[in-house]
Amino acid sequence: MSDIVVDNHYTKAFNGISVSANSHTFDPLQLARFEGVNRVWPVRFYRPAVNLSSLNASADLYLHHVTGVERALTELGLNGTGVSIGIVDSGVDYMHPELGGCWKTPGCPWQHGEDLVGDKYDPASADPIIEPNPTPMDCDGHGTHVSGILAGRGPHVHGVAPGATFGMYRIFSCPVGGQQVQASDALIIKGIEAAFQNGHDIISLSLGSGSWAEDPLSIICAQAVEQGVVVVAAAGNDGMGGLYTASAPSVGAGVISVGSVDNWNITALSGTVTSSQGTQSIVLSPSNSDKYPFDFDSDTPLALPSSDNSNILGCAKYTTDMTGKIALVERGVCRFDAKLKNAYEAGAVGVLCYNNVPGYFAATLSQSMPIPIAGTTNEYGAYIASALAAGN
């Protein structure tokens, strides 16, 4: 058939090909009619599973304690030694000192992997450029993030398997036009095949799209599982949408689908806010510093910040005196350090920052300040802001 081109031929964990058409007259049913063809899928695009957290790296040791990873590492001595893990993602900053600072040298944790896509791939292009680099250096950050969870060696990031041997198979390119990176399932299958061929015990995929076990990625991962490989894939970040939101390939038969769970029962501090409307108890996160707790000896007034641009986010210098008051600001736009610094310079004795999305959070700082900052929910913050705006 002169109007199609075979782009990839898969023979390891999956028996198939990916093709592209060079003519608008191409009919996919032509492929389905060939002898030996069991199924034809359209090429689909997948995104990394991204969910940014307000926690900083210093929290990971506590999280390891809660999840049981700390016990596995310290008491049981299970740090991944003797296990080979292949990661299919956006690459890795293998020169980061906490990820080994090396690539395929003796004693280096990164002994396998390759770049399968390069830096110029644009998923929106009808003819995307694929020019792989000599090594899978990350220019997006997601793959390095995932690698830190697995391979981090401290002192700031502690991975769950720092003793393992790793491979990185880069299938996501650099961001284009500020958009989140994407990769076709044809490229991802190529990465899975490469990881499978290198004999990894575990293949990790923090990516997804769709939600069906019949998707090609789900099928190839299920076949890898049948041949003894442990495949771990992200369930996705769309659980609030209800049923059928878990992503492929995590829904493949035998694939370990991994997601997080938000605990609706929150153990937190509480505070009391009094206005002409009455007294309201609110949920508070712990202060950013044990030295400066969000605890005041007497009733302390709350106030909304004001600035030349009327920025209630607290991201600009205040134009009003906040001496002896707690500044109420909304989360977003600037770092918590900037919000706290602007309030402190205006004379505030603390900052109460309310979330800009549903849920509870704890503010974290990169540097110490002599006044506390605490977080609360959007619901409580909006209640207080409304009361203050009404002069109550």
Protein backbone atom coordinates (compact mmCIF):
# COMPACT_ATOMS: atom_id res chain seq x y z
CA MET A 1 0.00 0.00 0.00
CA SER A 2 1.72 3.14 -1.21
CA ASP A 3 -0.33 5.55 0.91
CA ILE A 4 0.90 4.36 4.33
CA VAL A 5 4.32 4.26 5.99
CA VAL A 6 5.34 1.82 8.73
CA ASP A 7 6.84 3.92 11.55
CA ASN A 8 7.53 1.25 14.17
CA HIS A 9 7.62 -2.52 14.31
CA TYR A 10 7.04 -4.08 17.74
CA THR A 11 8.20 -7.63 18.38
CA LYS A 12 9.18 -7.95 22.06
CA ALA A 13 6.22 -7.53 24.43
CA PHE A 14 3.78 -6.70 21.66
CA ASN A 15 3.38 -8.01 18.13
CA GLY A 16 2.34 -5.16 15.90
CA ILE A 17 3.22 -2.06 13.93
CA SER A 18 2.42 1.64 13.95
CA VAL A 19 1.77 3.36 10.66
CA SER A 20 1.08 6.83 9.36
CA ALA A 21 -0.84 7.79 6.25
CA ASN A 22 0.60 10.10 3.61
CA SER A 23 -2.74 10.62 1.91
CA HIS A 24 -6.09 12.05 3.03
CA THR A 25 -7.79 9.29 1.09
CA PHE A 26 -6.43 6.55 3.36
CA ASP A 27 -9.10 4.35 4.92
CA PRO A 28 -8.07 2.55 8.17
CA LEU A 29 -10.35 -0.32 7.22
CA GLN A 30 -7.79 -1.22 4.59
CA LEU A 31 -5.44 -2.33 7.36
CA ALA A 32 -8.14 -4.31 9.13
CA ARG A 33 -8.74 -6.37 5.98
CA PHE A 34 -5.18 -7.72 5.88
CA GLU A 35 -4.74 -11.34 6.85
CA GLY A 36 -3.33 -11.68 10.37
CA VAL A 37 -4.49 -8.24 11.55
CA ASN A 38 -6.59 -8.73 14.68
CA ARG A 39 -7.22 -5.13 15.61
CA VAL A 40 -6.55 -1.55 14.50
CA TRP A 41 -6.38 1.44 16.87
CA PRO A 42 -6.03 5.14 16.12
CA VAL A 43 -2.90 6.80 17.48
CA ARG A 44 -3.74 8.53 20.77
CA PHE A 45 -1.76 10.92 22.90
CA TYR A 46 -0.89 10.54 26.56
CA ARG A 47 0.22 13.03 29.20
CA PRO A 48 2.36 12.58 32.30
CA ALA A 49 0.38 12.10 35.49
CA VAL A 50 1.01 15.45 37.18
CA ASN A 51 -0.30 16.59 40.55
CA LEU A 52 1.70 19.38 42.17
CA SER A 53 1.89 19.32 45.95
CA SER A 54 2.35 22.08 48.48
CA LEU A 55 4.70 19.88 50.49
CA ASN A 56 8.41 20.47 50.26
CA ALA A 57 11.20 17.93 50.07
CA SER A 58 11.85 18.04 53.83
CA ALA A 59 8.50 16.32 54.39
CA ASP A 60 9.43 13.10 52.59
CA LEU A 61 10.98 11.36 55.61
CA TYR A 62 7.74 11.87 57.54
CA LEU A 63 5.75 10.56 54.57
CA HIS A 64 7.99 7.48 54.41
CA HIS A 65 7.17 6.88 58.08
CA VAL A 66 3.42 7.11 57.44
CA THR A 67 3.45 4.86 54.36
CA GLY A 68 5.75 2.21 55.83
CA VAL A 69 8.63 2.90 53.43
CA GLU A 70 10.86 3.95 56.33
CA ARG A 71 10.38 0.56 57.99
CA ALA A 72 11.16 -1.26 54.74
CA LEU A 73 14.36 0.74 54.30
CA THR A 74 15.65 0.71 57.88
CA GLU A 75 14.21 -2.29 59.71
CA LEU A 76 13.86 -4.75 56.84
CA GLY A 77 16.84 -3.50 54.82
CA LEU A 78 14.84 -3.45 51.56
CA ASN A 79 16.31 -0.63 49.50
CA GLY A 80 15.97 -2.06 46.00
CA THR A 81 19.39 -3.72 45.82
CA GLY A 82 19.36 -6.40 43.14
CA VAL A 83 16.23 -5.01 41.47
CA SER A 84 16.23 -3.41 38.01
CA ILE A 85 13.63 -0.72 37.31
CA GLY A 86 12.81 0.78 33.91
CA ILE A 87 11.09 4.17 33.83
CA VAL A 88 9.21 5.33 30.72
CA ASP A 89 8.89 9.10 31.01
CA SER A 90 10.32 12.49 30.02
CA GLY A 91 13.92 11.57 30.78
CA VAL A 92 16.00 12.24 33.87
CA ASP A 93 18.53 14.79 35.06
CA TYR A 94 21.01 12.02 35.76
CA MET A 95 23.68 14.59 36.68
CA HIS A 96 21.70 15.64 39.76
CA PRO A 97 23.87 14.68 42.74
CA GLU A 98 20.96 13.04 44.55
CA LEU A 99 20.25 10.86 41.51
CA GLY A 100 23.79 9.62 41.14
CA GLY A 101 25.42 12.35 39.06
CA CYS A 102 26.35 9.86 36.32
CA TRP A 103 25.20 7.92 33.28
CA LYS A 104 26.11 4.28 32.57
CA THR A 105 29.47 4.45 34.36
CA PRO A 106 30.62 1.67 36.74
CA GLY A 107 28.66 1.88 39.98
CA CYS A 108 26.17 4.35 38.49
CA PRO A 109 22.48 3.66 39.26
CA TRP A 110 21.62 4.51 35.62
CA GLN A 111 22.82 1.54 33.57
CA HIS A 112 20.10 1.38 30.91
CA GLY A 113 17.91 3.62 28.83
CA GLU A 114 17.83 5.83 25.78
CA ASP A 115 16.19 8.87 24.26
CA LEU A 116 13.47 7.86 21.80
CA VAL A 117 12.06 11.29 20.95
CA GLY A 118 14.52 14.21 21.15
CA ASP A 119 13.84 17.88 21.94
CA LYS A 120 11.87 18.97 18.85
CA TYR A 121 8.83 16.70 18.97
CA ASP A 122 5.57 18.62 18.67
CA PRO A 123 2.48 16.42 19.09
CA ALA A 124 0.34 19.00 17.29
CA SER A 125 2.44 18.71 14.13
CA ALA A 126 1.22 16.58 11.24
CA ASP A 127 4.80 15.41 10.77
CA PRO A 128 6.51 15.67 14.19
CA ILE A 129 10.31 15.75 14.31
CA ILE A 130 11.89 12.82 16.15
CA GLU A 131 15.64 13.32 16.63
CA PRO A 132 16.78 11.35 19.70
CA ASN A 133 19.70 12.66 21.74
CA PRO A 134 22.63 10.49 22.87
CA THR A 135 21.20 10.32 26.41
CA PRO A 136 17.69 10.79 27.85
CA MET A 137 18.37 14.12 29.60
CA ASP A 138 15.15 15.61 30.93
CA CYS A 139 13.95 19.04 29.77
CA ASP A 140 10.43 18.80 31.21
CA GLY A 141 11.03 17.74 34.82
CA HIS A 142 8.39 15.07 35.24
CA GLY A 143 10.73 12.14 34.69
CA THR A 144 13.25 13.61 37.12
CA HIS A 145 10.46 14.01 39.68
CA VAL A 146 9.46 10.35 39.27
CA SER A 147 13.12 9.30 39.44
CA GLY A 148 13.49 11.14 42.73
CA ILE A 149 10.63 9.14 44.23
CA LEU A 150 12.40 5.93 43.26
CA ALA A 151 16.12 6.68 43.21
CA GLY A 152 16.64 9.72 45.45
CA ARG A 153 19.74 9.23 47.61
CA GLY A 154 19.41 12.22 49.94
CA PRO A 155 20.06 14.30 51.83
CA HIS A 156 17.03 16.26 50.60
CA VAL A 157 15.12 13.66 48.55
CA HIS A 158 14.97 10.08 49.79
CA GLY A 159 13.67 7.56 47.29
CA VAL A 160 11.96 4.27 48.06
CA ALA A 161 14.56 2.14 46.22
CA PRO A 162 17.92 3.97 46.26
CA GLY A 163 19.83 0.70 45.91
CA ALA A 164 18.16 -0.39 42.66
CA THR A 165 19.57 -0.23 39.14
CA PHE A 166 17.63 2.01 36.78
CA GLY A 167 16.89 2.64 33.14
CA MET A 168 15.20 5.72 31.65
CA TYR A 169 13.35 5.55 28.35
CA ARG A 170 12.50 9.06 27.23
CA ILE A 171 9.25 9.35 25.29
CA PHE A 172 8.15 12.89 26.28
CA SER A 173 9.93 15.78 24.60
CA CYS A 174 10.36 19.39 25.73
CA PRO A 175 7.27 21.56 26.40
CA VAL A 176 6.06 23.47 23.34
CA GLY A 177 4.40 26.86 23.73
CA GLY A 178 3.94 26.43 27.46
CA GLN A 179 1.71 23.38 26.95
CA GLN A 180 2.00 20.16 28.92
CA VAL A 181 4.09 17.56 27.09
CA GLN A 182 2.39 14.68 25.29
CA ALA A 183 3.49 11.51 23.54
CA SER A 184 1.73 9.16 21.16
CA ASP A 185 0.99 5.62 22.25
CA ALA A 186 3.21 4.53 19.34
CA LEU A 187 6.19 6.19 21.06
CA ILE A 188 5.23 4.92 24.50
CA ILE A 189 4.96 1.34 23.24
CA LYS A 190 8.46 1.76 21.81
CA GLY A 191 9.68 2.79 25.25
CA ILE A 192 7.94 -0.15 26.94
CA GLU A 193 9.45 -2.54 24.39
CA ALA A 194 12.94 -1.14 25.01
CA ALA A 195 12.52 -1.49 28.78
CA PHE A 196 11.18 -5.02 28.37
CA GLN A 197 14.08 -6.01 26.10
CA ASN A 198 16.60 -4.79 28.68
CA GLY A 199 15.19 -7.23 31.21
CA HIS A 200 13.95 -4.89 33.91
CA ASP A 201 12.14 -6.51 36.81
CA ILE A 202 9.80 -3.53 37.09
CA ILE A 203 8.54 -1.04 34.50
CA SER A 204 7.14 2.24 35.80
CA LEU A 205 4.79 4.50 33.83
CA SER A 206 3.54 7.71 35.42
CA LEU A 207 1.29 8.58 32.49
CA GLY A 208 -2.15 7.83 31.19
CA SER A 209 -5.15 8.58 29.02
CA GLY A 210 -8.47 6.92 28.40
CA SER A 211 -9.71 4.22 30.76
CA TRP A 212 -10.06 0.92 28.95
CA ALA A 213 -8.28 -2.40 29.29
CA GLU A 214 -8.61 -2.79 25.50
CA ASP A 215 -6.35 0.20 24.79
CA PRO A 216 -3.06 -0.82 23.15
CA LEU A 217 -0.97 0.40 26.09
CA SER A 218 -3.10 -1.62 28.50
CA ILE A 219 -2.69 -4.70 26.33
CA ILE A 220 1.09 -4.44 25.96
CA CYS A 221 1.51 -3.89 29.70
CA ALA A 222 -0.73 -6.86 30.46
CA GLN A 223 1.37 -9.02 28.13
CA ALA A 224 4.56 -7.87 29.89
CA VAL A 225 2.98 -8.90 33.19
CA GLU A 226 2.18 -12.34 31.73
CA GLN A 227 5.89 -12.71 30.97
CA GLY A 228 6.93 -11.98 34.55
CA VAL A 229 7.51 -8.22 34.57
CA VAL A 230 5.94 -6.11 37.32
CA VAL A 231 4.28 -3.14 35.60
CA VAL A 232 3.29 -0.15 37.74
CA ALA A 233 1.22 2.67 36.21
CA ALA A 234 -0.48 5.82 37.43
CA ALA A 235 -4.22 5.62 38.04
CA GLY A 236 -4.38 9.30 37.08
CA ASN A 237 -5.60 12.47 38.80
CA ASP A 238 -9.24 12.43 37.73
CA GLY A 239 -10.77 10.39 40.53
CA MET A 240 -13.12 13.20 41.50
CA GLY A 241 -14.84 12.55 38.17
CA GLY A 242 -16.20 9.23 39.43
CA LEU A 243 -16.33 5.87 37.66
CA TYR A 244 -14.23 5.04 34.60
CA THR A 245 -11.65 7.77 35.25
CA ALA A 246 -8.69 5.48 36.04
CA SER A 247 -6.20 5.86 33.21
CA ALA A 248 -4.87 3.33 30.75
CA PRO A 249 -2.47 1.52 30.94
CA SER A 250 -3.07 1.21 34.70
CA VAL A 251 -6.35 -0.62 33.97
CA GLY A 252 -4.56 -3.40 32.06
CA ALA A 253 -4.91 -6.95 33.40
CA GLY A 254 -2.33 -7.56 36.13
CA VAL A 255 -0.96 -4.00 36.03
CA ILE A 256 -0.51 -2.38 39.45
CA SER A 257 -2.60 0.80 39.34
CA VAL A 258 -1.28 3.42 41.77
CA GLY A 259 -3.10 6.47 43.07
CA SER A 260 -3.28 8.56 46.21
CA VAL A 261 -6.18 8.92 48.61
CA ASP A 262 -7.22 12.12 50.34
CA ASN A 263 -8.22 11.49 53.94
CA TRP A 264 -11.48 13.29 54.59
CA ASN A 265 -10.86 13.09 58.34
CA ILE A 266 -8.24 15.78 58.90
CA THR A 267 -6.23 16.02 62.07
CA ALA A 268 -5.52 19.71 62.25
CA LEU A 269 -5.41 22.71 64.54
CA SER A 270 -8.42 24.88 65.11
CA GLY A 271 -8.98 28.58 65.53
CA THR A 272 -11.86 30.82 66.45
CA VAL A 273 -12.95 33.86 64.46
CA THR A 274 -15.42 36.33 65.98
CA SER A 275 -17.41 38.93 64.05
CA SER A 276 -20.76 40.65 64.28
CA GLN A 277 -22.15 37.57 62.59
CA GLY A 278 -21.09 35.37 65.51
CA THR A 279 -18.25 33.01 66.34
CA GLN A 280 -16.90 30.54 63.79
CA SER A 281 -14.41 27.71 64.41
CA ILE A 282 -12.00 27.21 61.51
CA VAL A 283 -9.45 24.58 60.53
CA LEU A 284 -5.82 25.71 60.63
CA SER A 285 -2.62 24.07 59.42
CA PRO A 286 0.35 24.05 61.78
CA SER A 287 2.58 27.10 61.62
CA ASN A 288 5.54 27.09 59.30
CA SER A 289 7.87 27.28 62.31
CA ASP A 290 7.91 25.78 65.82
CA LYS A 291 9.64 28.96 66.97
CA TYR A 292 6.76 31.13 65.79
CA PRO A 293 3.50 29.22 66.39
CA PHE A 294 0.21 30.53 65.06
CA ASP A 295 -0.95 31.18 68.61
CA PHE A 296 -1.67 34.63 70.06
CA ASP A 297 -1.96 35.65 73.73
CA SER A 298 -5.02 37.82 73.15
CA ASP A 299 -7.68 38.47 70.55
CA THR A 300 -5.87 39.66 67.43
CA PRO A 301 -7.64 41.50 64.60
CA LEU A 302 -7.64 40.15 61.06
CA ALA A 303 -7.31 42.51 58.12
CA LEU A 304 -7.26 42.31 54.34
CA PRO A 305 -4.08 43.68 52.75
CA SER A 306 -4.21 46.63 50.39
CA SER A 307 -1.63 47.73 47.87
CA ASP A 308 -1.27 50.01 44.89
CA ASN A 309 -2.85 47.37 42.68
CA SER A 310 -5.48 46.33 45.26
CA ASN A 311 -3.86 42.91 45.39
CA ILE A 312 -5.58 40.90 48.12
CA LEU A 313 -3.19 38.04 47.39
CA GLY A 314 -0.53 39.80 49.45
CA CYS A 315 1.98 39.65 46.62
CA ALA A 316 2.69 43.40 46.52
CA LYS A 317 3.90 45.78 49.19
CA TYR A 318 1.08 46.94 51.45
CA THR A 319 -0.08 50.57 51.38
CA THR A 320 -1.76 50.32 54.78
CA ASP A 321 -0.32 49.79 58.24
CA MET A 322 -0.90 46.23 59.50
CA THR A 323 0.73 46.70 62.91
CA GLY A 324 -0.61 44.19 65.43
CA LYS A 325 -2.89 42.52 62.88
CA ILE A 326 -3.07 39.18 61.10
CA ALA A 327 -3.13 39.56 57.31
CA LEU A 328 -5.70 37.43 55.50
CA VAL A 329 -4.45 36.56 52.01
CA GLU A 330 -5.45 34.13 49.28
CA ARG A 331 -3.11 31.45 48.03
CA GLY A 332 -1.66 31.86 44.55
CA VAL A 333 0.45 33.98 42.11
CA CYS A 334 3.50 34.42 44.37
CA ARG A 335 5.41 32.26 46.83
CA PHE A 336 4.48 32.04 50.49
CA ASP A 337 7.81 33.70 51.30
CA ALA A 338 6.71 36.84 49.44
CA LYS A 339 3.29 36.92 51.13
CA LEU A 340 4.89 36.63 54.57
CA LYS A 341 7.63 39.18 53.83
CA ASN A 342 5.16 41.82 52.61
CA ALA A 343 2.94 41.33 55.66
CA TYR A 344 5.89 41.44 58.06
CA GLU A 345 7.21 44.67 56.54
CA ALA A 346 3.75 46.22 56.99
CA GLY A 347 3.80 45.35 60.70
CA ALA A 348 1.60 42.24 60.68
CA VAL A 349 2.05 39.70 63.46
CA GLY A 350 1.01 36.76 61.29
CA VAL A 351 -0.51 35.64 57.99
CA LEU A 352 -3.57 33.47 57.49
CA CYS A 353 -3.54 32.14 53.92
CA TYR A 354 -6.68 30.50 52.55
CA ASN A 355 -6.69 28.01 49.70
CA ASN A 356 -7.64 29.04 46.16
CA VAL A 357 -9.08 25.59 45.45
CA PRO A 358 -11.18 23.22 47.57
CA GLY A 359 -9.27 21.42 50.29
CA TYR A 360 -6.81 21.88 53.12
CA PHE A 361 -3.12 22.71 52.76
CA ALA A 362 -0.04 23.72 54.74
CA ALA A 363 2.09 26.66 53.64
CA THR A 364 5.82 26.00 53.35
CA LEU A 365 8.70 28.46 53.18
CA SER A 366 12.18 28.39 51.73
CA GLN A 367 13.48 30.81 54.35
CA SER A 368 12.61 31.64 57.95
CA MET A 369 10.60 34.74 58.90
CA PRO A 370 9.91 36.09 62.44
CA ILE A 371 6.11 35.81 62.11
CA PRO A 372 3.98 32.71 61.52
CA ILE A 373 1.89 31.72 58.52
CA ALA A 374 -0.92 29.17 58.68
CA GLY A 375 -3.22 27.78 56.03
CA THR A 376 -6.97 27.23 55.99
CA THR A 377 -9.58 26.13 53.48
CA ASN A 378 -11.12 28.22 50.74
CA GLU A 379 -14.48 27.99 52.48
CA TYR A 380 -13.25 29.47 55.76
CA GLY A 381 -11.09 32.06 54.03
CA ALA A 382 -13.96 33.29 51.88
CA TYR A 383 -16.17 33.54 54.98
CA ILE A 384 -13.63 35.73 56.80
CA ALA A 385 -12.87 37.84 53.72
CA SER A 386 -16.58 38.49 53.21
CA ALA A 387 -17.03 39.55 56.84
CA LEU A 388 -14.02 41.89 56.66
CA ALA A 389 -15.14 43.44 53.38
CA ALA A 390 -18.55 44.13 54.95
CA GLY A 391 -16.92 45.84 57.92
CA ASN A 392 -17.94 43.08 60.32
